[in-house]
Amino acid sequence: MASAKKKQQAMAKKKLAARKKAALKKKLELKKKLELKKKLELKKKLELKKKLELKKKLELKKKLELKKKLEVKKKLALLKDLKKRKEQEKRKAISERKRLQREKQKLAQRLAKERVKLKAQQLAERLALRAAKEKERQDLKNARAAEKAAKLQAREAARLAEIEANRKPVAPPKPPIIKGVMQDGITPTKEFNIEFLISQREQLIAERRNLLGQADQLESEANAIVENSEMGDVQFDDEGGEGDTMVVERERDLTLSAAARQTVEEIDAALARLETGDYGYSSRSGLPIPRERLKAIPWTTELVKERAGGIGSY
């Protein structure tokens, strides 16, 4: 019994020791777990602290980067503003140069216009002076020509007056002219057929052309005499010498030119009579003029006897 109790006590001691050992083991395990948990918590705290510090560093870095960006942005804005100001100043300078250039061009144009205007005024004054001299020369020429024409008209009037004084008071009636149908601008008559009148017209036109050429040449020679005399300071009113010779030559040329133009007027009247059918008949008696006389003087309007002796002589 005692050994059994001892065995039971020993067994109980062993069980108690086992339970103590298990409890101690559990306690150690729990302690390890607590320590491990503390370590994990500490590790987590450290990691969280590191994350916070890293986050702070990142935020600080972002702030610094943002600050740098803002500074860069400010610098860029300043540079942009400075560039803009420089461009504005450059445009302003270019605009000012253009304005000065335009003003310079306007001034140059105004000066050029003034020079042109001055030259035009000077040219106008020279032309006016030349025109005045030419007008004075032409007036002198016209006055002398008019004086000469007046003398010619006076002589012609005196001649006509003398002829009129020698005419008989009553002239016989003119016989009627028997006219045909107009052909090619010519009206034939009983005494003068179309072929004869056509040849007369051709002769009149040729003579008219020659006389106009002579008149123009004579007037040109007369004007040349005046110009040469002015260039050589020769006066027309000098007594004797070269001045008188030039006056005589000029007056002769003008007289011949006036006579040629007077004949041209008579030819024009004859051409008109060819159209009306009055050509070849005496303006005094109405009698036909001989063809020989018409061929010799195609613009004549009188018979030979009428021109020499008046209306009564045919």
Protein backbone atom coordinates (compact mmCIF):
# COMPACT_ATOMS: atom_id res chain seq x y z
CA MET A 1 0.00 0.00 0.00
CA ALA A 2 2.78 2.31 0.88
CA SER A 3 4.63 1.50 -2.33
CA ALA A 4 1.46 2.01 -4.28
CA LYS A 5 0.97 5.39 -2.66
CA LYS A 6 4.56 6.24 -3.34
CA LYS A 7 4.06 5.16 -6.89
CA GLN A 8 0.89 7.23 -7.06
CA GLN A 9 2.68 10.22 -5.47
CA ALA A 10 5.59 9.75 -7.82
CA MET A 11 3.18 9.54 -10.71
CA ALA A 12 1.35 12.59 -9.42
CA LYS A 13 4.69 14.40 -9.02
CA LYS A 14 5.61 13.40 -12.57
CA LYS A 15 2.24 14.55 -13.86
CA LEU A 16 2.59 17.79 -11.90
CA ALA A 17 6.09 18.22 -13.16
CA ALA A 18 4.85 17.46 -16.68
CA ARG A 19 2.00 19.93 -16.23
CA LYS A 20 4.45 22.51 -14.85
CA LYS A 21 6.81 21.77 -17.67
CA ALA A 22 3.94 22.07 -20.19
CA ALA A 23 2.75 25.25 -18.50
CA LEU A 24 6.28 26.59 -18.51
CA LYS A 25 6.60 25.59 -22.13
CA LYS A 26 3.29 27.28 -22.87
CA LYS A 27 4.43 30.29 -20.90
CA LEU A 28 7.71 30.35 -22.81
CA GLU A 29 5.86 29.90 -26.06
CA LEU A 30 3.46 32.63 -25.03
CA LYS A 31 6.40 34.77 -24.05
CA LYS A 32 8.04 34.03 -27.37
CA LYS A 33 4.80 34.82 -29.11
CA LEU A 34 4.52 38.06 -27.15
CA GLU A 35 8.12 38.89 -27.89
CA LEU A 36 7.56 37.97 -31.52
CA LYS A 37 4.41 40.04 -31.52
CA LYS A 38 6.32 42.93 -29.95
CA LYS A 39 9.04 42.47 -32.48
CA LEU A 40 6.45 42.43 -35.26
CA GLU A 41 4.73 45.45 -33.80
CA LEU A 42 8.07 47.17 -33.38
CA LYS A 43 8.94 46.16 -36.90
CA LYS A 44 5.61 47.48 -38.09
CA LYS A 45 6.17 50.67 -36.12
CA LEU A 46 9.63 50.97 -37.63
CA GLU A 47 8.25 50.25 -41.10
CA LEU A 48 5.44 52.72 -40.50
CA LYS A 49 7.96 55.23 -39.22
CA LYS A 50 10.11 54.60 -42.29
CA LYS A 51 7.04 54.94 -44.52
CA LEU A 52 6.12 58.18 -42.75
CA GLU A 53 9.66 59.44 -43.05
CA LEU A 54 9.73 58.32 -46.68
CA LYS A 55 6.37 59.96 -47.23
CA LYS A 56 7.67 63.13 -45.58
CA LYS A 57 10.79 62.92 -47.71
CA LEU A 58 8.64 62.40 -50.82
CA GLU A 59 6.35 65.24 -49.83
CA LEU A 60 9.39 67.41 -49.10
CA LYS A 61 10.86 66.33 -52.42
CA LYS A 62 7.56 67.13 -54.15
CA LYS A 63 7.47 70.48 -52.38
CA LEU A 64 11.03 71.15 -53.44
CA GLU A 65 10.28 70.01 -56.99
CA LEU A 66 7.11 72.09 -57.01
CA LYS A 67 9.10 75.00 -55.64
CA LYS A 68 11.72 74.46 -58.32
CA LYS A 69 8.98 74.20 -60.95
CA LEU A 70 7.43 77.39 -59.66
CA GLU A 71 10.83 79.07 -59.69
CA VAL A 72 11.48 77.72 -63.18
CA LYS A 73 7.99 78.84 -64.21
CA LYS A 74 8.66 82.27 -62.72
CA LYS A 75 12.02 82.40 -64.50
CA LEU A 76 10.36 81.28 -67.76
CA ALA A 77 7.62 83.86 -67.24
CA LEU A 78 10.26 86.50 -66.55
CA LEU A 79 12.24 85.38 -69.60
CA LYS A 80 9.05 85.33 -71.68
CA ASP A 81 8.08 88.77 -70.40
CA LEU A 82 11.60 90.01 -71.04
CA LYS A 83 11.52 88.48 -74.53
CA LYS A 84 8.10 89.99 -75.13
CA ARG A 85 9.37 93.39 -74.00
CA LYS A 86 12.41 93.05 -76.24
CA GLU A 87 10.18 92.08 -79.16
CA GLN A 88 7.87 95.01 -78.41
CA GLU A 89 10.85 97.34 -78.20
CA LYS A 90 12.19 95.82 -81.43
CA ARG A 91 8.82 96.26 -83.17
CA LYS A 92 8.61 99.75 -81.78
CA ALA A 93 12.11 100.51 -83.07
CA ILE A 94 11.23 99.00 -86.46
CA SER A 95 7.99 101.00 -86.54
CA GLU A 96 9.90 104.14 -85.62
CA ARG A 97 12.47 103.46 -88.34
CA LYS A 98 9.65 102.88 -90.85
CA ARG A 99 7.95 106.08 -89.72
CA LEU A 100 11.19 108.02 -90.09
CA GLN A 101 11.76 106.37 -93.47
CA ARG A 102 8.22 107.30 -94.59
CA GLU A 103 8.73 110.85 -93.42
CA LYS A 104 12.06 110.90 -95.25
CA GLN A 105 10.40 109.52 -98.40
CA LYS A 106 7.57 112.07 -98.09
CA LEU A 107 10.11 114.82 -97.66
CA ALA A 108 12.06 113.54 -100.68
CA GLN A 109 8.86 113.30 -102.73
CA ARG A 110 7.81 116.78 -101.67
CA LEU A 111 11.25 118.14 -102.57
CA ALA A 112 11.10 116.24 -105.88
CA LYS A 113 7.64 117.66 -106.58
CA GLU A 114 8.86 121.13 -105.71
CA ARG A 115 11.87 120.67 -108.01
CA VAL A 116 9.59 119.38 -110.78
CA LYS A 117 7.19 122.26 -110.15
CA LEU A 118 10.08 124.74 -110.20
CA LYS A 119 11.42 123.20 -113.41
CA ALA A 120 7.91 123.27 -114.89
CA GLN A 121 7.56 126.93 -113.91
CA GLN A 122 10.94 127.73 -115.40
CA LEU A 123 10.05 125.77 -118.53
CA ALA A 124 6.66 127.49 -118.70
CA GLU A 125 8.35 130.87 -118.33
CA ARG A 126 10.83 130.00 -121.09
CA LEU A 127 8.02 128.69 -123.29
CA ALA A 128 5.91 131.76 -122.52
CA LEU A 129 8.85 134.01 -123.37
CA ARG A 130 9.52 132.02 -126.53
CA ALA A 131 5.80 132.07 -127.38
CA ALA A 132 5.71 135.81 -126.78
CA LYS A 133 8.69 136.29 -129.08
CA GLU A 134 7.15 133.95 -131.64
CA LYS A 135 3.81 135.76 -131.36
CA GLU A 136 5.57 139.09 -131.77
CA ARG A 137 7.40 137.70 -134.80
CA GLN A 138 4.18 136.19 -136.17
CA ASP A 139 2.25 139.40 -135.52
CA LEU A 140 4.94 141.32 -137.38
CA LYS A 141 4.79 138.75 -140.17
CA ASN A 142 0.98 138.86 -140.26
CA ALA A 143 1.01 142.64 -140.20
CA ARG A 144 3.42 142.79 -143.12
CA ALA A 145 1.47 140.09 -144.96
CA ALA A 146 -1.78 141.92 -144.24
CA GLU A 147 -0.22 145.15 -145.43
CA LYS A 148 0.98 143.42 -148.58
CA ALA A 149 -2.41 141.76 -149.10
CA ALA A 150 -4.08 145.11 -148.56
CA LYS A 151 -1.86 146.65 -151.22
CA LEU A 152 -2.65 143.78 -153.58
CA GLN A 153 -6.36 144.10 -152.87
CA ALA A 154 -6.14 147.84 -153.38
CA ARG A 155 -4.41 147.37 -156.72
CA GLU A 156 -6.92 144.67 -157.70
CA ALA A 157 -9.80 146.90 -156.59
CA ALA A 158 -8.36 149.74 -158.62
CA ARG A 159 -8.00 147.43 -161.62
CA LEU A 160 -11.56 146.13 -161.24
CA ALA A 161 -12.81 149.67 -160.76
CA GLU A 162 -11.05 150.70 -163.95
CA ILE A 163 -12.52 147.70 -165.79
CA GLU A 164 -15.95 148.45 -164.34
CA ALA A 165 -15.63 152.07 -165.42
CA ASN A 166 -14.89 150.98 -169.00
CA ARG A 167 -17.84 148.57 -169.15
CA LYS A 168 -20.93 149.46 -170.99
CA PRO A 169 -23.93 150.13 -168.77
CA VAL A 170 -26.10 147.28 -170.07
CA ALA A 171 -24.92 143.79 -170.92
CA PRO A 172 -26.89 141.45 -173.16
CA PRO A 173 -28.65 138.54 -171.44
CA LYS A 174 -26.62 135.36 -171.03
CA PRO A 175 -27.69 132.47 -173.21
CA PRO A 176 -28.98 129.41 -171.33
CA ILE A 177 -26.59 126.52 -170.67
CA ILE A 178 -27.92 123.15 -171.81
CA LYS A 179 -26.71 120.71 -169.13
CA GLY A 180 -26.57 116.92 -169.16
CA VAL A 181 -26.69 114.31 -166.38
CA MET A 182 -23.89 114.40 -163.77
CA GLN A 183 -21.28 111.68 -164.21
CA ASP A 184 -18.44 111.03 -161.76
CA GLY A 185 -19.01 114.39 -160.05
CA ILE A 186 -19.02 116.31 -163.38
CA THR A 187 -22.03 117.80 -165.18
CA PRO A 188 -21.47 117.83 -168.98
CA THR A 189 -23.06 120.46 -171.26
CA LYS A 190 -23.95 120.81 -174.93
CA GLU A 191 -20.63 122.52 -175.77
CA PHE A 192 -18.34 120.46 -173.44
CA ASN A 193 -18.60 116.66 -173.31
CA ILE A 194 -17.64 114.50 -170.33
CA GLU A 195 -14.28 113.38 -171.75
CA PHE A 196 -13.06 116.96 -172.20
CA LEU A 197 -14.27 117.97 -168.74
CA ILE A 198 -12.56 114.97 -167.09
CA SER A 199 -9.25 115.92 -168.71
CA GLN A 200 -9.76 119.51 -167.55
CA ARG A 201 -10.43 118.37 -164.00
CA GLU A 202 -7.22 116.32 -163.97
CA GLN A 203 -5.30 119.34 -165.27
CA LEU A 204 -6.88 121.58 -162.62
CA ILE A 205 -6.03 119.15 -159.78
CA ALA A 206 -2.41 118.79 -160.97
CA GLU A 207 -2.02 122.57 -161.30
CA ARG A 208 -3.57 123.08 -157.85
CA ARG A 209 -1.06 120.66 -156.28
CA ASN A 210 1.89 122.40 -157.97
CA LEU A 211 0.71 125.87 -156.93
CA LEU A 212 0.24 124.85 -153.29
CA GLY A 213 3.75 123.39 -153.25
CA GLN A 214 5.15 126.60 -154.74
CA ALA A 215 3.23 128.74 -152.21
CA ASP A 216 4.49 126.68 -149.24
CA GLN A 217 8.07 126.81 -150.55
CA LEU A 218 7.93 130.57 -151.13
CA GLU A 219 6.53 131.19 -147.64
CA SER A 220 9.22 128.95 -146.13
CA GLU A 221 11.91 130.91 -147.98
CA ALA A 222 10.38 134.18 -146.77
CA ASN A 223 10.35 132.91 -143.16
CA ALA A 224 13.93 131.69 -143.55
CA ILE A 225 14.93 135.17 -144.66
CA VAL A 226 13.36 136.60 -141.49
CA GLU A 227 15.06 134.02 -139.27
CA ASN A 228 18.42 134.51 -140.93
CA SER A 229 18.06 138.25 -140.60
CA GLU A 230 17.27 137.93 -136.88
CA MET A 231 20.23 135.63 -136.33
CA GLY A 232 22.50 138.02 -138.23
CA ASP A 233 21.05 141.17 -136.60
CA VAL A 234 20.00 142.51 -140.01
CA GLN A 235 17.20 145.08 -139.72
CA PHE A 236 14.57 145.44 -142.45
CA ASP A 237 14.41 149.20 -141.98
CA ASP A 238 18.09 149.82 -142.72
CA GLU A 239 18.71 152.17 -145.55
CA GLY A 240 20.49 150.37 -148.38
CA GLY A 241 22.76 147.37 -148.12
CA GLU A 242 21.87 143.82 -147.25
CA GLY A 243 18.69 144.74 -145.34
CA ASP A 244 17.01 146.23 -148.44
CA THR A 245 17.98 143.22 -150.57
CA MET A 246 16.48 140.82 -148.04
CA VAL A 247 13.32 142.93 -147.79
CA VAL A 248 12.92 142.87 -151.56
CA GLU A 249 13.47 139.11 -151.73
CA ARG A 250 11.03 138.48 -148.90
CA GLU A 251 8.35 140.75 -150.35
CA ARG A 252 8.79 139.10 -153.73
CA ASP A 253 8.39 135.61 -152.22
CA LEU A 254 5.29 136.66 -150.28
CA THR A 255 3.77 138.30 -153.36
CA LEU A 256 4.36 135.21 -155.49
CA SER A 257 2.98 132.99 -152.71
CA ALA A 258 -0.17 135.12 -152.40
CA ALA A 259 -0.63 135.05 -156.18
CA ALA A 260 -0.28 131.25 -156.20
CA ARG A 261 -2.86 130.88 -153.44
CA GLN A 262 -5.21 133.28 -155.27
CA THR A 263 -4.91 131.06 -158.35
CA VAL A 264 -5.64 128.00 -156.13
CA GLU A 265 -8.89 129.69 -155.06
CA GLU A 266 -9.79 130.27 -158.72
CA ILE A 267 -9.02 126.58 -159.43
CA ASP A 268 -11.29 125.53 -156.55
CA ALA A 269 -14.06 127.68 -158.03
CA ALA A 270 -13.47 126.04 -161.44
CA LEU A 271 -13.73 122.56 -159.88
CA ALA A 272 -17.02 123.61 -158.28
CA ARG A 273 -18.29 124.82 -161.70
CA LEU A 274 -17.44 121.39 -163.13
CA GLU A 275 -19.91 119.86 -160.69
CA THR A 276 -22.70 122.40 -161.35
CA GLY A 277 -22.30 122.41 -165.16
CA ASP A 278 -21.19 126.06 -165.38
CA TYR A 279 -17.60 125.29 -166.34
CA GLY A 280 -16.26 126.71 -169.63
CA TYR A 281 -18.72 129.58 -169.90
CA SER A 282 -17.91 133.28 -169.53
CA SER A 283 -18.99 134.77 -166.22
CA ARG A 284 -19.73 138.02 -168.10
CA SER A 285 -21.49 137.06 -171.29
CA GLY A 286 -22.34 133.42 -170.66
CA LEU A 287 -20.78 132.42 -173.98
CA PRO A 288 -18.63 129.29 -174.19
CA ILE A 289 -14.89 129.87 -173.88
CA PRO A 290 -12.79 128.27 -176.64
CA ARG A 291 -11.27 124.95 -175.67
CA GLU A 292 -7.80 126.16 -176.61
CA ARG A 293 -8.06 128.94 -174.02
CA LEU A 294 -9.46 126.52 -171.42
CA LYS A 295 -6.59 124.12 -172.03
CA ALA A 296 -4.08 126.95 -171.65
CA ILE A 297 -5.79 128.50 -168.56
CA PRO A 298 -8.26 125.87 -167.26
CA TRP A 299 -9.58 128.15 -164.46
CA THR A 300 -10.34 131.17 -166.69
CA THR A 301 -13.84 132.69 -166.58
CA GLU A 302 -13.53 135.25 -169.42
CA LEU A 303 -13.07 135.37 -173.14
CA VAL A 304 -9.86 136.99 -174.41
CA LYS A 305 -11.80 139.93 -175.83
CA GLU A 306 -13.78 140.39 -172.61
CA ARG A 307 -10.64 140.54 -170.53
CA ALA A 308 -9.09 143.07 -172.89
CA GLY A 309 -12.01 145.30 -173.86
CA GLY A 310 -14.97 144.95 -171.51
CA ILE A 311 -18.51 143.59 -171.82
CA GLY A 312 -19.20 145.05 -175.27
CA SER A 313 -16.33 143.17 -176.91
CA TYR A 314 -16.82 139.48 -177.40
